Every structure is written in C-alpha cells, then in structure tokens.
Amino acid sequence: MALAARTESALRRVAGEIHALGREALFVPTDVTRQDDVDHLMAKTWDRWERIDILVANAGAYIRSPVTELTVEEMERSMAVNFYGALHTVLAAQPHLLDQGDGHIVLVSSFDAKKGLPLDAPYVAAKFALAGYGEVLRQELRGHGIHVTTVFPGRVDTPLIDDLKVPQISAKICPETVACQIVAAIRQKRPEVIVPLQARLLHLVNVLSPRLGDWFVRHFHLQGWEKRGAGS
C-alpha cells in the first residue's frame, strides 16, 4: 500500500500500523496541489510494485464563505485541493492504469456535491466539479477495464470539521464507516456511494423537489454552527 499526505509524522504512524499487521507500506510525503509531488508519488509506487490496483483520491480542505463575502482567492484555494488535487492524482496514475488494462479509481467527493449547503460555496463548487469529472471518467474508462466510484459522505468526524457543530439529524459519522462503505463499493464495483442513510434520503427529496430540499436544510439548520471563536 502506498500512503500519501502532507504530514510525514502521520504517514509514518499509519505505515507502522500496516507493517505491524504483516503488510507492506510505502509512504511518500505529498502535496496534491503540486503536480511534481504527485508525479513523484506515482513514480515511487510504480517502481515498488509495477502496478496500481486501487487509487483513492481523498485529499480535502473545508473552506467556507458566505456568497456575499466570497473572494476569487478562496474559491481558487478550495479548487486547488478539492478538485485539482484529485485531478493531478488521477492524471498521474491514468497512463499506468490504461497500460495494465484494469484498476479502480475512488474519488471522495462530499454530500455537498449532491445538495449544496449555505456558507459552503467554495467547498461545494470544488466537490461538484469533482463529481462531474468522476461521472465522465467512469463512462470513458469503462471500456478500458477501469472502474470508477465517486463517494458522497455526509459530515465525517475528522479534524477538518472540528470547529463545526452540527444538528443531531446530521450527526458526524466516523471515518471507519466511510472506509467500510468504500471497501464494499470497490468489491461490488458500485458507481456511487452516498452515506449515511439520512444523506440518501435528503438526496431523494432534493431530486424530487429542490424547494423541499431547501426547506429541510433551513428547518434543520444542516449547515451547522461554527464553535465560538473558530475561524471560517
């Protein structure tokens, strides 16, 4: 398994846990907003195993702004990580996947790409872009033996949203739940995953009536509240 993230100490810890299970792990400190970093990651991975079985593009940055205060710089910052970070990774892996004629790409988007929430415009725009890219990618790579799954999780309990309080109906889900759903989707070659159940129900409501979907967001305050003293 090849691990990539910006924080080397975290990579070392996870790699150690994998080694303790008797498995092989390579870790490469990587900033996915830098194409050179991503190219280096793919080269190291290919040199080690000479194939790529599953690529999970999961980098993210939660950037919020009211639309009345939104700046181009905030939107660009969100796109750099949440969209272009995944794009760099897929483009670097794609030649190898095409050459070997199989593999699976997992794009971790967000439920925000199914129903945009107030204050999340920079994050929503980037995750919608990633979802649209995945929709096309899945169809075009199908004939090459490469499967694509796009994942739309609700609020996940990670440091990314430590400063966000959410209503109980939209309670944060543990990362392990999302990971298990991803593993199941890979095994079943599912095109999309929406988790948890509440998110799937809201998606259905919003497809049938966007106005009713908006009402649910307002009534339950699904955008949440930033904890006192927290920045955006």
C-alpha atoms as a PDB file:
ATOM      1  CA  MET A   1       0.000   0.000   0.000  1.00  0.00           C
ATOM      2  CA  ALA A   2       1.263   3.478  -0.897  1.00  0.00           C
ATOM      3  CA  LEU A   3       0.341   6.286   1.500  1.00  0.00           C
ATOM      4  CA  ALA A   4       0.439   9.971   0.629  1.00  0.00           C
ATOM      5  CA  ALA A   5      -0.244  13.081   2.705  1.00  0.00           C
ATOM      6  CA  ARG A   6       1.479  16.307   3.629  1.00  0.00           C
ATOM      7  CA  THR A   7       2.321  15.320   7.228  1.00  0.00           C
ATOM      8  CA  GLU A   8       5.226  12.882   7.376  1.00  0.00           C
ATOM      9  CA  SER A   9       4.716  12.005  11.058  1.00  0.00           C
ATOM     10  CA  ALA A  10       1.158  10.838  10.379  1.00  0.00           C
ATOM     11  CA  LEU A  11       2.317   8.811   7.393  1.00  0.00           C
ATOM     12  CA  ARG A  12       4.998   7.109   9.493  1.00  0.00           C
ATOM     13  CA  ARG A  13       2.442   6.217  12.162  1.00  0.00           C
ATOM     14  CA  VAL A  14      -0.030   4.674   9.707  1.00  0.00           C
ATOM     15  CA  ALA A  15       2.740   2.849   7.846  1.00  0.00           C
ATOM     16  CA  GLY A  16       3.896   1.414  11.178  1.00  0.00           C
ATOM     17  CA  GLU A  17       0.389   0.133  11.911  1.00  0.00           C
ATOM     18  CA  ILE A  18       0.281  -1.547   8.497  1.00  0.00           C
ATOM     19  CA  HIS A  19       3.699  -3.124   8.992  1.00  0.00           C
ATOM     20  CA  ALA A  20       2.542  -4.441  12.382  1.00  0.00           C
ATOM     21  CA  LEU A  21      -0.186  -6.351  10.535  1.00  0.00           C
ATOM     22  CA  GLY A  22       2.450  -8.019   8.391  1.00  0.00           C
ATOM     23  CA  ARG A  23       1.651  -5.916   5.314  1.00  0.00           C
ATOM     24  CA  GLU A  24       3.835  -3.761   3.110  1.00  0.00           C
ATOM     25  CA  ALA A  25       3.527   0.013   3.134  1.00  0.00           C
ATOM     26  CA  LEU A  26       5.299   2.787   1.257  1.00  0.00           C
ATOM     27  CA  PHE A  27       4.778   6.372   2.392  1.00  0.00           C
ATOM     28  CA  VAL A  28       5.576   9.438   0.324  1.00  0.00           C
ATOM     29  CA  PRO A  29       5.028  12.964   1.747  1.00  0.00           C
ATOM     30  CA  THR A  30       2.913  14.635  -0.932  1.00  0.00           C
ATOM     31  CA  ASP A  31       1.152  17.938  -1.512  1.00  0.00           C
ATOM     32  CA  VAL A  32      -1.515  17.083  -4.094  1.00  0.00           C
ATOM     33  CA  THR A  33      -1.709  20.702  -5.226  1.00  0.00           C
ATOM     34  CA  ARG A  34       1.801  20.251  -6.661  1.00  0.00           C
ATOM     35  CA  GLN A  35       1.969  18.156  -9.814  1.00  0.00           C
ATOM     36  CA  ASP A  36       5.666  17.394  -9.225  1.00  0.00           C
ATOM     37  CA  ASP A  37       4.846  15.881  -5.835  1.00  0.00           C
ATOM     38  CA  VAL A  38       2.117  13.708  -7.321  1.00  0.00           C
ATOM     39  CA  ASP A  39       4.329  12.574 -10.200  1.00  0.00           C
ATOM     40  CA  HIS A  40       6.996  11.606  -7.655  1.00  0.00           C
ATOM     41  CA  LEU A  41       4.413   9.628  -5.672  1.00  0.00           C
ATOM     42  CA  MET A  42       3.319   7.678  -8.743  1.00  0.00           C
ATOM     43  CA  ALA A  43       6.889   7.002  -9.826  1.00  0.00           C
ATOM     44  CA  LYS A  44       7.813   5.648  -6.374  1.00  0.00           C
ATOM     45  CA  THR A  45       4.671   3.497  -6.282  1.00  0.00           C
ATOM     46  CA  TRP A  46       5.275   2.100  -9.761  1.00  0.00           C
ATOM     47  CA  ASP A  47       8.928   1.387  -9.023  1.00  0.00           C
ATOM     48  CA  ARG A  48       7.883  -0.581  -5.923  1.00  0.00           C
ATOM     49  CA  TRP A  49       5.038  -2.694  -7.317  1.00  0.00           C
ATOM     50  CA  GLU A  50       4.902  -2.071 -11.098  1.00  0.00           C
ATOM     51  CA  ARG A  51       1.115  -1.704 -10.992  1.00  0.00           C
ATOM     52  CA  ILE A  52      -1.663   0.341  -9.408  1.00  0.00           C
ATOM     53  CA  ASP A  53      -4.663  -1.664  -8.254  1.00  0.00           C
ATOM     54  CA  ILE A  54      -6.759   0.958  -6.455  1.00  0.00           C
ATOM     55  CA  LEU A  55      -6.331   4.721  -6.367  1.00  0.00           C
ATOM     56  CA  VAL A  56      -8.198   6.616  -3.621  1.00  0.00           C
ATOM     57  CA  ALA A  57      -8.201  10.401  -4.092  1.00  0.00           C
ATOM     58  CA  ASN A  58      -9.237  11.689  -0.678  1.00  0.00           C
ATOM     59  CA  ALA A  59      -7.410  14.997  -0.081  1.00  0.00           C
ATOM     60  CA  GLY A  60      -9.657  17.788   1.129  1.00  0.00           C
ATOM     61  CA  ALA A  61      -9.785  21.262   2.646  1.00  0.00           C
ATOM     62  CA  TYR A  62     -13.018  22.591   4.142  1.00  0.00           C
ATOM     63  CA  ILE A  63     -13.197  26.220   3.027  1.00  0.00           C
ATOM     64  CA  ARG A  64     -16.365  28.193   3.796  1.00  0.00           C
ATOM     65  CA  SER A  65     -17.551  31.674   2.941  1.00  0.00           C
ATOM     66  CA  PRO A  66     -20.921  33.427   2.663  1.00  0.00           C
ATOM     67  CA  VAL A  67     -21.552  34.146  -1.021  1.00  0.00           C
ATOM     68  CA  THR A  68     -21.820  37.870  -0.216  1.00  0.00           C
ATOM     69  CA  GLU A  69     -18.230  37.826   1.044  1.00  0.00           C
ATOM     70  CA  LEU A  70     -16.743  35.228  -1.305  1.00  0.00           C
ATOM     71  CA  THR A  71     -13.434  36.047  -2.995  1.00  0.00           C
ATOM     72  CA  VAL A  72     -11.819  34.505  -6.039  1.00  0.00           C
ATOM     73  CA  GLU A  73      -8.820  33.622  -3.861  1.00  0.00           C
ATOM     74  CA  GLU A  74     -10.987  31.496  -1.531  1.00  0.00           C
ATOM     75  CA  MET A  75     -12.539  29.694  -4.488  1.00  0.00           C
ATOM     76  CA  GLU A  76      -9.121  29.054  -6.041  1.00  0.00           C
ATOM     77  CA  ARG A  77      -7.784  27.737  -2.726  1.00  0.00           C
ATOM     78  CA  SER A  78     -10.668  25.291  -2.463  1.00  0.00           C
ATOM     79  CA  MET A  79     -10.371  24.166  -6.078  1.00  0.00           C
ATOM     80  CA  ALA A  80      -6.607  23.654  -5.695  1.00  0.00           C
ATOM     81  CA  VAL A  81      -7.067  20.931  -3.076  1.00  0.00           C
ATOM     82  CA  ASN A  82     -10.587  19.598  -3.511  1.00  0.00           C
ATOM     83  CA  PHE A  83     -10.645  19.387  -7.300  1.00  0.00           C
ATOM     84  CA  TYR A  84      -7.194  19.842  -8.830  1.00  0.00           C
ATOM     85  CA  GLY A  85      -5.586  17.729  -6.116  1.00  0.00           C
ATOM     86  CA  ALA A  86      -7.680  14.749  -7.224  1.00  0.00           C
ATOM     87  CA  LEU A  87      -7.220  15.623 -10.893  1.00  0.00           C
ATOM     88  CA  HIS A  88      -3.415  15.689 -10.567  1.00  0.00           C
ATOM     89  CA  THR A  89      -3.506  12.278  -8.895  1.00  0.00           C
ATOM     90  CA  VAL A  90      -5.773  10.644 -11.465  1.00  0.00           C
ATOM     91  CA  LEU A  91      -3.861  12.060 -14.420  1.00  0.00           C
ATOM     92  CA  ALA A  92      -0.577  10.797 -12.978  1.00  0.00           C
ATOM     93  CA  ALA A  93      -1.974   7.287 -12.446  1.00  0.00           C
ATOM     94  CA  GLN A  94      -4.062   7.046 -15.608  1.00  0.00           C
ATOM     95  CA  PRO A  95      -1.307   6.005 -18.058  1.00  0.00           C
ATOM     96  CA  HIS A  96      -0.330   3.105 -15.787  1.00  0.00           C
ATOM     97  CA  LEU A  97      -3.946   2.018 -15.375  1.00  0.00           C
ATOM     98  CA  LEU A  98      -4.525   2.140 -19.124  1.00  0.00           C
ATOM     99  CA  ASP A  99      -1.359   0.146 -19.812  1.00  0.00           C
ATOM    100  CA  GLN A 100      -2.300  -2.607 -17.358  1.00  0.00           C
ATOM    101  CA  GLY A 101      -5.934  -2.642 -18.524  1.00  0.00           C
ATOM    102  CA  ASP A 102      -7.552  -2.778 -15.088  1.00  0.00           C
ATOM    103  CA  GLY A 103      -7.800  -0.978 -11.765  1.00  0.00           C
ATOM    104  CA  HIS A 104     -10.216   1.061  -9.690  1.00  0.00           C
ATOM    105  CA  ILE A 105     -10.333   4.818  -9.061  1.00  0.00           C
ATOM    106  CA  VAL A 106     -12.163   6.119  -5.987  1.00  0.00           C
ATOM    107  CA  LEU A 107     -12.940   9.840  -5.867  1.00  0.00           C
ATOM    108  CA  VAL A 108     -14.006  11.022  -2.417  1.00  0.00           C
ATOM    109  CA  SER A 109     -16.316  13.961  -3.032  1.00  0.00           C
ATOM    110  CA  SER A 110     -18.894  15.088  -0.446  1.00  0.00           C
ATOM    111  CA  PHE A 111     -22.641  15.055   0.022  1.00  0.00           C
ATOM    112  CA  ASP A 112     -22.265  18.797  -0.549  1.00  0.00           C
ATOM    113  CA  ALA A 113     -21.914  17.795  -4.219  1.00  0.00           C
ATOM    114  CA  LYS A 114     -25.452  16.381  -4.113  1.00  0.00           C
ATOM    115  CA  LYS A 115     -27.022  19.165  -2.044  1.00  0.00           C
ATOM    116  CA  GLY A 116     -25.066  22.364  -1.559  1.00  0.00           C
ATOM    117  CA  LEU A 117     -25.343  23.825   1.932  1.00  0.00           C
ATOM    118  CA  PRO A 118     -25.286  27.519   2.882  1.00  0.00           C
ATOM    119  CA  LEU A 119     -21.861  29.015   3.663  1.00  0.00           C
ATOM    120  CA  ASP A 120     -20.099  26.170   1.829  1.00  0.00           C
ATOM    121  CA  ALA A 121     -19.875  27.756  -1.645  1.00  0.00           C
ATOM    122  CA  PRO A 122     -16.089  27.261  -2.159  1.00  0.00           C
ATOM    123  CA  TYR A 123     -16.205  23.659  -0.933  1.00  0.00           C
ATOM    124  CA  VAL A 124     -19.441  22.870  -2.776  1.00  0.00           C
ATOM    125  CA  ALA A 125     -18.178  24.227  -6.102  1.00  0.00           C
ATOM    126  CA  ALA A 126     -14.993  22.154  -5.941  1.00  0.00           C
ATOM    127  CA  LYS A 127     -16.778  18.972  -4.872  1.00  0.00           C
ATOM    128  CA  PHE A 128     -19.433  19.415  -7.595  1.00  0.00           C
ATOM    129  CA  ALA A 129     -16.596  19.756 -10.105  1.00  0.00           C
ATOM    130  CA  LEU A 130     -15.031  16.538  -8.799  1.00  0.00           C
ATOM    131  CA  ALA A 131     -18.370  14.717  -9.016  1.00  0.00           C
ATOM    132  CA  GLY A 132     -18.885  15.852 -12.599  1.00  0.00           C
ATOM    133  CA  TYR A 133     -15.391  14.796 -13.567  1.00  0.00           C
ATOM    134  CA  GLY A 134     -15.981  11.399 -11.971  1.00  0.00           C
ATOM    135  CA  GLU A 135     -19.247  10.971 -13.876  1.00  0.00           C
ATOM    136  CA  VAL A 136     -17.464  11.362 -17.198  1.00  0.00           C
ATOM    137  CA  LEU A 137     -14.343   9.471 -16.116  1.00  0.00           C
ATOM    138  CA  ARG A 138     -16.433   6.442 -15.152  1.00  0.00           C
ATOM    139  CA  GLN A 139     -18.086   6.249 -18.549  1.00  0.00           C
ATOM    140  CA  GLU A 140     -14.988   6.842 -20.638  1.00  0.00           C
ATOM    141  CA  LEU A 141     -12.751   4.384 -18.771  1.00  0.00           C
ATOM    142  CA  ARG A 142     -15.323   1.585 -18.617  1.00  0.00           C
ATOM    143  CA  GLY A 143     -14.171   0.107 -21.925  1.00  0.00           C
ATOM    144  CA  HIS A 144     -10.568   0.051 -20.684  1.00  0.00           C
ATOM    145  CA  GLY A 145     -11.335  -2.240 -17.744  1.00  0.00           C
ATOM    146  CA  ILE A 146     -11.013   0.581 -15.202  1.00  0.00           C
ATOM    147  CA  HIS A 147     -13.800   1.138 -12.674  1.00  0.00           C
ATOM    148  CA  VAL A 148     -14.589   4.489 -11.065  1.00  0.00           C
ATOM    149  CA  THR A 149     -16.513   5.079  -7.835  1.00  0.00           C
ATOM    150  CA  THR A 150     -17.450   8.511  -6.513  1.00  0.00           C
ATOM    151  CA  VAL A 151     -18.137   8.730  -2.784  1.00  0.00           C
ATOM    152  CA  PHE A 152     -20.509  11.308  -1.269  1.00  0.00           C
ATOM    153  CA  PRO A 153     -20.158  11.186   2.535  1.00  0.00           C
ATOM    154  CA  GLY A 154     -22.045  13.471   4.878  1.00  0.00           C
ATOM    155  CA  ARG A 155     -20.258  15.171   7.765  1.00  0.00           C
ATOM    156  CA  VAL A 156     -17.310  12.966   8.716  1.00  0.00           C
ATOM    157  CA  ASP A 157     -15.799  13.262  12.193  1.00  0.00           C
ATOM    158  CA  THR A 158     -12.289  14.392  11.275  1.00  0.00           C
ATOM    159  CA  PRO A 159     -10.125  17.400  12.233  1.00  0.00           C
ATOM    160  CA  LEU A 160     -11.357  19.039   9.014  1.00  0.00           C
ATOM    161  CA  ILE A 161     -14.614  19.997  10.771  1.00  0.00           C
ATOM    162  CA  ASP A 162     -13.561  20.021  14.432  1.00  0.00           C
ATOM    163  CA  ASP A 163     -14.802  23.603  14.687  1.00  0.00           C
ATOM    164  CA  LEU A 164     -18.259  22.810  13.291  1.00  0.00           C
ATOM    165  CA  LYS A 165     -21.260  21.858  15.428  1.00  0.00           C
ATOM    166  CA  VAL A 166     -23.991  20.004  13.554  1.00  0.00           C
ATOM    167  CA  PRO A 167     -27.611  19.102  14.369  1.00  0.00           C
ATOM    168  CA  GLN A 168     -28.286  15.596  15.624  1.00  0.00           C
ATOM    169  CA  ILE A 169     -30.163  14.657  12.456  1.00  0.00           C
ATOM    170  CA  SER A 170     -26.897  15.318  10.585  1.00  0.00           C
ATOM    171  CA  ALA A 171     -24.550  13.897  13.221  1.00  0.00           C
ATOM    172  CA  LYS A 172     -20.933  13.408  12.236  1.00  0.00           C
ATOM    173  CA  ILE A 173     -20.137   9.878  11.072  1.00  0.00           C
ATOM    174  CA  CYS A 174     -16.936   8.071  11.946  1.00  0.00           C
ATOM    175  CA  PRO A 175     -14.257   7.689   9.251  1.00  0.00           C
ATOM    176  CA  GLU A 176     -14.339   3.898   9.671  1.00  0.00           C
ATOM    177  CA  THR A 177     -17.952   3.857   8.474  1.00  0.00           C
ATOM    178  CA  VAL A 178     -16.995   5.655   5.279  1.00  0.00           C
ATOM    179  CA  ALA A 179     -13.951   3.404   4.803  1.00  0.00           C
ATOM    180  CA  CYS A 180     -16.106   0.274   5.096  1.00  0.00           C
ATOM    181  CA  GLN A 181     -18.543   1.677   2.539  1.00  0.00           C
ATOM    182  CA  ILE A 182     -15.659   2.368   0.151  1.00  0.00           C
ATOM    183  CA  VAL A 183     -14.311  -1.171   0.510  1.00  0.00           C
ATOM    184  CA  ALA A 184     -17.790  -2.582  -0.187  1.00  0.00           C
ATOM    185  CA  ALA A 185     -18.191  -0.318  -3.223  1.00  0.00           C
ATOM    186  CA  ILE A 186     -14.855  -1.450  -4.659  1.00  0.00           C
ATOM    187  CA  ARG A 187     -15.792  -5.098  -4.221  1.00  0.00           C
ATOM    188  CA  GLN A 188     -19.211  -4.538  -5.808  1.00  0.00           C
ATOM    189  CA  LYS A 189     -17.904  -2.086  -8.444  1.00  0.00           C
ATOM    190  CA  ARG A 190     -20.568   0.439  -7.479  1.00  0.00           C
ATOM    191  CA  PRO A 191     -20.533   3.756  -9.380  1.00  0.00           C
ATOM    192  CA  GLU A 192     -21.616   5.896  -6.407  1.00  0.00           C
ATOM    193  CA  VAL A 193     -21.810   5.746  -2.629  1.00  0.00           C
ATOM    194  CA  ILE A 194     -23.907   8.129  -0.511  1.00  0.00           C
ATOM    195  CA  VAL A 195     -23.548   7.716   3.246  1.00  0.00           C
ATOM    196  CA  PRO A 196     -25.231   7.847   5.771  1.00  0.00           C
ATOM    197  CA  LEU A 197     -28.903   6.952   5.268  1.00  0.00           C
ATOM    198  CA  GLN A 198     -30.076  10.488   6.147  1.00  0.00           C
ATOM    199  CA  ALA A 199     -27.977  11.845   3.294  1.00  0.00           C
ATOM    200  CA  ARG A 200     -29.506   9.367   0.830  1.00  0.00           C
ATOM    201  CA  LEU A 201     -32.990  10.397   1.940  1.00  0.00           C
ATOM    202  CA  LEU A 202     -32.208  14.117   1.573  1.00  0.00           C
ATOM    203  CA  HIS A 203     -30.776  13.445  -1.878  1.00  0.00           C
ATOM    204  CA  LEU A 204     -34.012  11.722  -2.905  1.00  0.00           C
ATOM    205  CA  VAL A 205     -36.099  14.600  -1.544  1.00  0.00           C
ATOM    206  CA  ASN A 206     -33.941  17.145  -3.355  1.00  0.00           C
ATOM    207  CA  VAL A 207     -34.189  15.261  -6.681  1.00  0.00           C
ATOM    208  CA  LEU A 208     -37.977  15.218  -6.396  1.00  0.00           C
ATOM    209  CA  SER A 209     -38.249  18.835  -5.197  1.00  0.00           C
ATOM    210  CA  PRO A 210     -35.254  21.182  -4.769  1.00  0.00           C
ATOM    211  CA  ARG A 211     -37.572  23.626  -2.989  1.00  0.00           C
ATOM    212  CA  LEU A 212     -38.438  20.966  -0.417  1.00  0.00           C
ATOM    213  CA  GLY A 213     -34.752  20.087  -0.138  1.00  0.00           C
ATOM    214  CA  ASP A 214     -34.003  23.736   0.639  1.00  0.00           C
ATOM    215  CA  TRP A 215     -36.718  23.692   3.317  1.00  0.00           C
ATOM    216  CA  PHE A 216     -35.137  20.676   5.018  1.00  0.00           C
ATOM    217  CA  VAL A 217     -31.756  22.421   5.043  1.00  0.00           C
ATOM    218  CA  ARG A 218     -33.272  25.572   6.600  1.00  0.00           C
ATOM    219  CA  HIS A 219     -35.548  23.780   9.070  1.00  0.00           C
ATOM    220  CA  PHE A 220     -32.836  21.510  10.464  1.00  0.00           C
ATOM    221  CA  HIS A 221     -30.021  24.073  10.058  1.00  0.00           C
ATOM    222  CA  LEU A 222     -27.971  21.443   8.227  1.00  0.00           C
ATOM    223  CA  GLN A 223     -25.113  23.869   7.551  1.00  0.00           C
ATOM    224  CA  GLY A 224     -24.310  23.676  11.259  1.00  0.00           C
ATOM    225  CA  TRP A 225     -22.765  26.289  13.532  1.00  0.00           C
ATOM    226  CA  GLU A 226     -19.156  27.267  13.918  1.00  0.00           C
ATOM    227  CA  LYS A 227     -17.986  26.947  17.511  1.00  0.00           C
ATOM    228  CA  ARG A 228     -17.417  30.231  19.282  1.00  0.00           C
ATOM    229  CA  GLY A 229     -14.029  31.695  18.478  1.00  0.00           C
ATOM    230  CA  ALA A 230     -13.484  29.455  15.443  1.00  0.00           C
ATOM    231  CA  GLY A 231     -12.488  30.914  12.112  1.00  0.00           C
ATOM    232  CA  SER A 232     -14.169  30.088   8.808  1.00  0.00           C
END
